[in-house]
Amino acid sequence: MMRGRAIFSGTAEGEVVKCARPVVILGDIDPRAGTVEGCGSIAGKIFVFPRGAGSTVGSYTLYALRYYGTAPAAIIVEEAEPIVVAGAIISEIPTVDGIDISVLKTGMRVRVKNNEVEII
């Protein structure tokens, strides 16, 4: 069990899709397809990455994921900067930061509950 900070509280369980690099939210994510360049599909999955990057318009890219029905079930991030924070809140995607993502691997199953992450 790992504890971090709840950015948007909620509960979700699913398969991890991890990007080891910072994600340029506006440029790397295709909201219609629910994919992240170089990382794969995040639709309905637990999206794990170190931090977001790019312009504040990226928050609306996270919102577009919700609009198109391709949003991740939850987001786990080491450092949630303003782009991820605003995007998670307006999109109502359960999000937790302050987690050591080095222990999480693509394909693992995890449960996110508010500020807690449990490997199943």
N, C-alpha and C. Protein backbone atom coordinates (compact mmCIF):
# COMPACT_ATOMS: atom_id res chain seq x y z
N MET A 1 0.85 -1.17 0.00
CA MET A 1 0.00 0.00 0.00
C MET A 1 0.89 1.23 0.00
N MET A 2 0.63 2.12 -0.95
CA MET A 2 1.36 3.39 -1.02
C MET A 2 0.36 4.52 -0.79
N ARG A 3 0.82 5.55 -0.10
CA ARG A 3 -0.04 6.70 0.15
C ARG A 3 0.58 7.96 -0.44
N GLY A 4 -0.28 8.73 -1.07
CA GLY A 4 0.15 9.99 -1.65
C GLY A 4 -0.85 11.07 -1.31
N ARG A 5 -1.06 11.97 -2.23
CA ARG A 5 -2.00 13.07 -2.04
C ARG A 5 -3.11 12.92 -3.07
N ALA A 6 -4.35 12.92 -2.63
CA ALA A 6 -5.48 12.85 -3.55
C ALA A 6 -5.66 14.20 -4.23
N ILE A 7 -5.56 14.21 -5.55
CA ILE A 7 -5.81 15.42 -6.33
C ILE A 7 -7.30 15.49 -6.64
N PHE A 8 -7.88 14.37 -7.08
CA PHE A 8 -9.32 14.22 -7.22
C PHE A 8 -9.66 12.86 -6.63
N SER A 9 -10.43 12.86 -5.55
CA SER A 9 -10.73 11.61 -4.85
C SER A 9 -11.67 10.73 -5.65
N GLY A 10 -11.47 9.44 -5.48
CA GLY A 10 -12.31 8.46 -6.14
C GLY A 10 -11.69 7.09 -6.02
N THR A 11 -12.39 6.10 -6.53
CA THR A 11 -11.92 4.73 -6.49
C THR A 11 -11.94 4.14 -7.89
N ALA A 12 -10.87 3.45 -8.23
CA ALA A 12 -10.79 2.77 -9.53
C ALA A 12 -9.83 1.59 -9.39
N GLU A 13 -10.05 0.60 -10.22
CA GLU A 13 -9.18 -0.57 -10.25
C GLU A 13 -8.94 -0.93 -11.70
N GLY A 14 -7.71 -1.33 -12.00
CA GLY A 14 -7.45 -1.73 -13.37
C GLY A 14 -6.00 -1.98 -13.66
N GLU A 15 -5.72 -2.12 -14.95
CA GLU A 15 -4.39 -2.42 -15.45
C GLU A 15 -3.59 -1.14 -15.63
N VAL A 16 -2.34 -1.18 -15.21
CA VAL A 16 -1.44 -0.03 -15.33
C VAL A 16 -0.93 0.10 -16.76
N VAL A 17 -0.93 1.33 -17.25
CA VAL A 17 -0.20 1.71 -18.46
C VAL A 17 0.76 2.80 -18.01
N LYS A 18 2.05 2.50 -18.07
CA LYS A 18 3.05 3.42 -17.53
C LYS A 18 3.89 4.06 -18.63
N CYS A 19 4.03 5.36 -18.54
CA CYS A 19 4.98 6.11 -19.37
C CYS A 19 6.11 6.51 -18.43
N ALA A 20 7.31 6.13 -18.76
CA ALA A 20 8.45 6.42 -17.90
C ALA A 20 8.93 7.86 -18.01
N ARG A 21 8.44 8.57 -19.01
CA ARG A 21 8.88 9.95 -19.25
C ARG A 21 7.74 10.92 -18.95
N PRO A 22 8.07 12.21 -18.73
CA PRO A 22 6.99 13.19 -18.60
C PRO A 22 6.13 13.20 -19.86
N VAL A 23 4.86 13.43 -19.70
CA VAL A 23 3.92 13.39 -20.82
C VAL A 23 3.50 14.83 -21.17
N VAL A 24 3.72 15.20 -22.42
CA VAL A 24 3.23 16.49 -22.93
C VAL A 24 1.75 16.26 -23.22
N ILE A 25 0.92 16.70 -22.30
CA ILE A 25 -0.49 16.35 -22.33
C ILE A 25 -1.14 16.73 -23.67
N LEU A 26 -0.91 17.95 -24.14
CA LEU A 26 -1.52 18.41 -25.38
C LEU A 26 -0.96 17.69 -26.60
N GLY A 27 0.33 17.43 -26.63
CA GLY A 27 0.95 16.86 -27.82
C GLY A 27 1.02 15.36 -27.88
N ASP A 28 1.13 14.71 -26.72
CA ASP A 28 1.32 13.25 -26.70
C ASP A 28 0.03 12.45 -26.64
N ILE A 29 -1.04 13.07 -26.18
CA ILE A 29 -2.30 12.35 -25.99
C ILE A 29 -3.26 12.62 -27.14
N ASP A 30 -3.82 11.54 -27.70
CA ASP A 30 -4.89 11.64 -28.70
C ASP A 30 -6.19 11.34 -27.96
N PRO A 31 -6.98 12.36 -27.62
CA PRO A 31 -8.17 12.12 -26.81
C PRO A 31 -9.26 11.31 -27.50
N ARG A 32 -9.36 11.38 -28.82
CA ARG A 32 -10.39 10.59 -29.51
C ARG A 32 -10.07 9.10 -29.45
N ALA A 33 -8.79 8.77 -29.56
CA ALA A 33 -8.36 7.37 -29.53
C ALA A 33 -8.07 6.89 -28.11
N GLY A 34 -7.82 7.81 -27.19
CA GLY A 34 -7.47 7.42 -25.83
C GLY A 34 -6.08 6.80 -25.75
N THR A 35 -5.16 7.34 -26.56
CA THR A 35 -3.80 6.80 -26.59
C THR A 35 -2.77 7.87 -26.26
N VAL A 36 -1.61 7.39 -25.80
CA VAL A 36 -0.48 8.26 -25.52
C VAL A 36 0.67 7.81 -26.40
N GLU A 37 1.24 8.75 -27.15
CA GLU A 37 2.33 8.43 -28.06
C GLU A 37 3.45 7.70 -27.33
N GLY A 38 3.81 6.53 -27.85
CA GLY A 38 4.89 5.74 -27.28
C GLY A 38 4.52 4.93 -26.05
N CYS A 39 3.29 5.06 -25.59
CA CYS A 39 2.89 4.35 -24.36
C CYS A 39 1.66 3.46 -24.55
N GLY A 40 0.83 3.76 -25.54
CA GLY A 40 -0.33 2.91 -25.82
C GLY A 40 -1.64 3.48 -25.34
N SER A 41 -2.64 2.60 -25.28
CA SER A 41 -3.99 3.00 -24.90
C SER A 41 -4.11 3.17 -23.39
N ILE A 42 -4.74 4.29 -22.99
CA ILE A 42 -4.99 4.53 -21.57
C ILE A 42 -6.48 4.46 -21.25
N ALA A 43 -7.31 4.26 -22.24
CA ALA A 43 -8.76 4.23 -22.04
C ALA A 43 -9.14 3.14 -21.05
N GLY A 44 -9.76 3.56 -19.95
CA GLY A 44 -10.21 2.61 -18.94
C GLY A 44 -9.10 1.99 -18.10
N LYS A 45 -7.88 2.45 -18.27
CA LYS A 45 -6.72 1.89 -17.56
C LYS A 45 -6.27 2.85 -16.45
N ILE A 46 -5.28 2.42 -15.70
CA ILE A 46 -4.67 3.28 -14.69
C ILE A 46 -3.42 3.87 -15.33
N PHE A 47 -3.46 5.16 -15.60
CA PHE A 47 -2.41 5.87 -16.32
C PHE A 47 -1.36 6.37 -15.33
N VAL A 48 -0.11 5.91 -15.50
CA VAL A 48 0.99 6.22 -14.58
C VAL A 48 2.09 6.95 -15.34
N PHE A 49 2.54 8.08 -14.80
CA PHE A 49 3.64 8.83 -15.42
C PHE A 49 4.26 9.76 -14.39
N PRO A 50 5.50 10.24 -14.65
CA PRO A 50 6.18 11.07 -13.64
C PRO A 50 5.54 12.44 -13.44
N ARG A 51 5.21 13.14 -14.52
CA ARG A 51 4.59 14.46 -14.44
C ARG A 51 4.16 14.89 -15.85
N GLY A 52 3.27 15.86 -15.87
CA GLY A 52 2.84 16.42 -17.15
C GLY A 52 3.77 17.54 -17.57
N ALA A 53 3.67 17.91 -18.82
CA ALA A 53 4.46 19.00 -19.37
C ALA A 53 3.66 19.69 -20.45
N GLY A 54 4.07 20.90 -20.80
CA GLY A 54 3.43 21.62 -21.89
C GLY A 54 2.58 22.76 -21.38
N SER A 55 1.70 23.24 -22.26
CA SER A 55 0.89 24.41 -21.95
C SER A 55 -0.35 24.03 -21.15
N THR A 56 -0.99 25.05 -20.59
CA THR A 56 -2.18 24.81 -19.77
C THR A 56 -3.36 24.29 -20.58
N VAL A 57 -3.30 24.39 -21.91
CA VAL A 57 -4.36 23.83 -22.74
C VAL A 57 -4.42 22.31 -22.56
N GLY A 58 -3.35 21.71 -22.08
CA GLY A 58 -3.32 20.28 -21.82
C GLY A 58 -4.41 19.83 -20.87
N SER A 59 -4.82 20.70 -19.96
CA SER A 59 -5.92 20.35 -19.03
C SER A 59 -7.18 19.99 -19.80
N TYR A 60 -7.43 20.70 -20.89
CA TYR A 60 -8.61 20.43 -21.70
C TYR A 60 -8.46 19.14 -22.51
N THR A 61 -7.23 18.72 -22.75
CA THR A 61 -7.02 17.43 -23.39
C THR A 61 -7.49 16.31 -22.47
N LEU A 62 -7.20 16.43 -21.17
CA LEU A 62 -7.71 15.44 -20.22
C LEU A 62 -9.24 15.48 -20.19
N TYR A 63 -9.81 16.68 -20.25
CA TYR A 63 -11.27 16.80 -20.30
C TYR A 63 -11.82 16.14 -21.57
N ALA A 64 -11.12 16.31 -22.69
CA ALA A 64 -11.56 15.70 -23.95
C ALA A 64 -11.57 14.18 -23.86
N LEU A 65 -10.63 13.60 -23.11
CA LEU A 65 -10.65 12.15 -22.89
C LEU A 65 -11.98 11.73 -22.27
N ARG A 66 -12.43 12.48 -21.29
CA ARG A 66 -13.71 12.17 -20.64
C ARG A 66 -14.86 12.36 -21.65
N TYR A 67 -14.82 13.44 -22.39
CA TYR A 67 -15.87 13.76 -23.38
C TYR A 67 -16.01 12.63 -24.41
N TYR A 68 -14.89 12.12 -24.90
CA TYR A 68 -14.92 11.07 -25.93
C TYR A 68 -15.06 9.67 -25.35
N GLY A 69 -15.11 9.55 -24.03
CA GLY A 69 -15.27 8.23 -23.42
C GLY A 69 -14.00 7.40 -23.43
N THR A 70 -12.85 8.06 -23.54
CA THR A 70 -11.57 7.36 -23.61
C THR A 70 -10.66 7.67 -22.42
N ALA A 71 -11.23 8.21 -21.37
CA ALA A 71 -10.44 8.62 -20.19
C ALA A 71 -9.89 7.41 -19.46
N PRO A 72 -8.74 7.60 -18.80
CA PRO A 72 -8.26 6.54 -17.92
C PRO A 72 -9.17 6.39 -16.71
N ALA A 73 -9.17 5.21 -16.11
CA ALA A 73 -9.96 4.98 -14.90
C ALA A 73 -9.41 5.81 -13.74
N ALA A 74 -8.09 6.01 -13.73
CA ALA A 74 -7.43 6.82 -12.71
C ALA A 74 -6.06 7.22 -13.22
N ILE A 75 -5.48 8.22 -12.56
CA ILE A 75 -4.13 8.68 -12.86
C ILE A 75 -3.30 8.59 -11.60
N ILE A 76 -2.10 8.04 -11.76
CA ILE A 76 -1.10 8.02 -10.68
C ILE A 76 0.12 8.76 -11.22
N VAL A 77 0.55 9.78 -10.51
CA VAL A 77 1.64 10.61 -10.99
C VAL A 77 2.58 10.94 -9.82
N GLU A 78 3.87 10.99 -10.11
CA GLU A 78 4.82 11.35 -9.05
C GLU A 78 4.62 12.79 -8.61
N GLU A 79 4.48 13.70 -9.58
CA GLU A 79 4.35 15.12 -9.28
C GLU A 79 3.25 15.72 -10.15
N ALA A 80 2.14 16.06 -9.55
CA ALA A 80 1.03 16.65 -10.29
C ALA A 80 1.23 18.16 -10.35
N GLU A 81 1.64 18.64 -11.53
CA GLU A 81 1.77 20.08 -11.72
C GLU A 81 0.41 20.63 -12.15
N PRO A 82 0.28 21.94 -12.32
CA PRO A 82 -1.04 22.54 -12.56
C PRO A 82 -1.82 21.98 -13.74
N ILE A 83 -1.15 21.56 -14.81
CA ILE A 83 -1.87 21.01 -15.97
C ILE A 83 -2.63 19.75 -15.58
N VAL A 84 -1.96 18.85 -14.88
CA VAL A 84 -2.59 17.59 -14.47
C VAL A 84 -3.64 17.85 -13.40
N VAL A 85 -3.35 18.73 -12.45
CA VAL A 85 -4.30 19.03 -11.38
C VAL A 85 -5.61 19.55 -11.96
N ALA A 86 -5.54 20.59 -12.77
CA ALA A 86 -6.75 21.18 -13.35
C ALA A 86 -7.48 20.18 -14.24
N GLY A 87 -6.73 19.44 -15.05
CA GLY A 87 -7.34 18.46 -15.94
C GLY A 87 -8.06 17.35 -15.20
N ALA A 88 -7.43 16.85 -14.14
CA ALA A 88 -8.06 15.78 -13.35
C ALA A 88 -9.33 16.26 -12.68
N ILE A 89 -9.31 17.48 -12.17
CA ILE A 89 -10.48 18.00 -11.48
C ILE A 89 -11.64 18.25 -12.44
N ILE A 90 -11.38 18.94 -13.56
CA ILE A 90 -12.50 19.23 -14.48
C ILE A 90 -13.00 17.97 -15.17
N SER A 91 -12.15 16.95 -15.25
CA SER A 91 -12.53 15.68 -15.90
C SER A 91 -13.08 14.66 -14.92
N GLU A 92 -12.94 14.95 -13.63
CA GLU A 92 -13.38 14.04 -12.57
C GLU A 92 -12.72 12.67 -12.69
N ILE A 93 -11.40 12.68 -12.95
CA ILE A 93 -10.62 11.44 -13.02
C ILE A 93 -9.91 11.27 -11.68
N PRO A 94 -10.17 10.17 -10.95
CA PRO A 94 -9.45 9.95 -9.70
C PRO A 94 -7.94 10.05 -9.96
N THR A 95 -7.28 10.90 -9.18
CA THR A 95 -5.85 11.16 -9.40
C THR A 95 -5.14 11.27 -8.06
N VAL A 96 -3.99 10.61 -7.99
CA VAL A 96 -3.16 10.68 -6.79
C VAL A 96 -1.73 10.99 -7.20
N ASP A 97 -1.08 11.87 -6.43
CA ASP A 97 0.32 12.16 -6.71
C ASP A 97 1.15 11.90 -5.46
N GLY A 98 2.47 12.06 -5.62
CA GLY A 98 3.37 11.78 -4.52
C GLY A 98 3.65 10.29 -4.36
N ILE A 99 3.47 9.54 -5.43
CA ILE A 99 3.67 8.09 -5.43
C ILE A 99 4.99 7.77 -6.13
N ASP A 100 5.76 6.87 -5.55
CA ASP A 100 6.99 6.38 -6.19
C ASP A 100 6.57 5.41 -7.28
N ILE A 101 6.59 5.89 -8.52
CA ILE A 101 6.09 5.06 -9.62
C ILE A 101 7.11 4.02 -10.09
N SER A 102 8.30 4.02 -9.51
CA SER A 102 9.32 3.04 -9.94
C SER A 102 8.89 1.61 -9.67
N VAL A 103 7.99 1.40 -8.72
CA VAL A 103 7.54 0.04 -8.39
C VAL A 103 6.36 -0.41 -9.27
N LEU A 104 5.80 0.51 -10.04
CA LEU A 104 4.65 0.19 -10.89
C LEU A 104 5.11 -0.10 -12.31
N LYS A 105 4.56 -1.15 -12.89
CA LYS A 105 4.94 -1.59 -14.24
C LYS A 105 3.68 -1.76 -15.09
N THR A 106 3.81 -1.52 -16.38
CA THR A 106 2.71 -1.75 -17.30
C THR A 106 2.25 -3.21 -17.18
N GLY A 107 0.94 -3.38 -17.10
CA GLY A 107 0.36 -4.71 -17.00
C GLY A 107 -0.03 -5.11 -15.59
N MET A 108 0.55 -4.46 -14.58
CA MET A 108 0.15 -4.74 -13.19
C MET A 108 -1.30 -4.31 -12.98
N ARG A 109 -1.94 -4.90 -12.00
CA ARG A 109 -3.27 -4.44 -11.59
C ARG A 109 -3.13 -3.70 -10.27
N VAL A 110 -3.78 -2.54 -10.22
CA VAL A 110 -3.76 -1.74 -9.00
C VAL A 110 -5.15 -1.22 -8.68
N ARG A 111 -5.31 -0.84 -7.44
CA ARG A 111 -6.54 -0.20 -6.98
C ARG A 111 -6.15 1.18 -6.45
N VAL A 112 -6.85 2.19 -6.91
CA VAL A 112 -6.68 3.55 -6.42
C VAL A 112 -7.91 3.88 -5.60
N LYS A 113 -7.68 4.34 -4.38
CA LYS A 113 -8.78 4.76 -3.53
C LYS A 113 -8.34 6.03 -2.81
N ASN A 114 -8.88 7.16 -3.29
CA ASN A 114 -8.54 8.47 -2.75
C ASN A 114 -7.04 8.71 -2.82
N ASN A 115 -6.34 8.66 -1.70
CA ASN A 115 -4.89 8.93 -1.71
C ASN A 115 -4.05 7.65 -1.63
N GLU A 116 -4.67 6.50 -1.78
CA GLU A 116 -3.95 5.22 -1.63
C GLU A 116 -3.88 4.45 -2.95
N VAL A 117 -2.75 3.78 -3.15
CA VAL A 117 -2.55 2.91 -4.30
C VAL A 117 -2.15 1.55 -3.78
N GLU A 118 -2.89 0.52 -4.18
CA GLU A 118 -2.60 -0.84 -3.74
C GLU A 118 -2.34 -1.71 -4.95
N ILE A 119 -1.23 -2.42 -4.93
CA ILE A 119 -0.94 -3.39 -5.99
C ILE A 119 -1.75 -4.65 -5.67
N ILE A 120 -2.49 -5.13 -6.65
CA ILE A 120 -3.36 -6.30 -6.43
C ILE A 120 -2.64 -7.56 -6.88
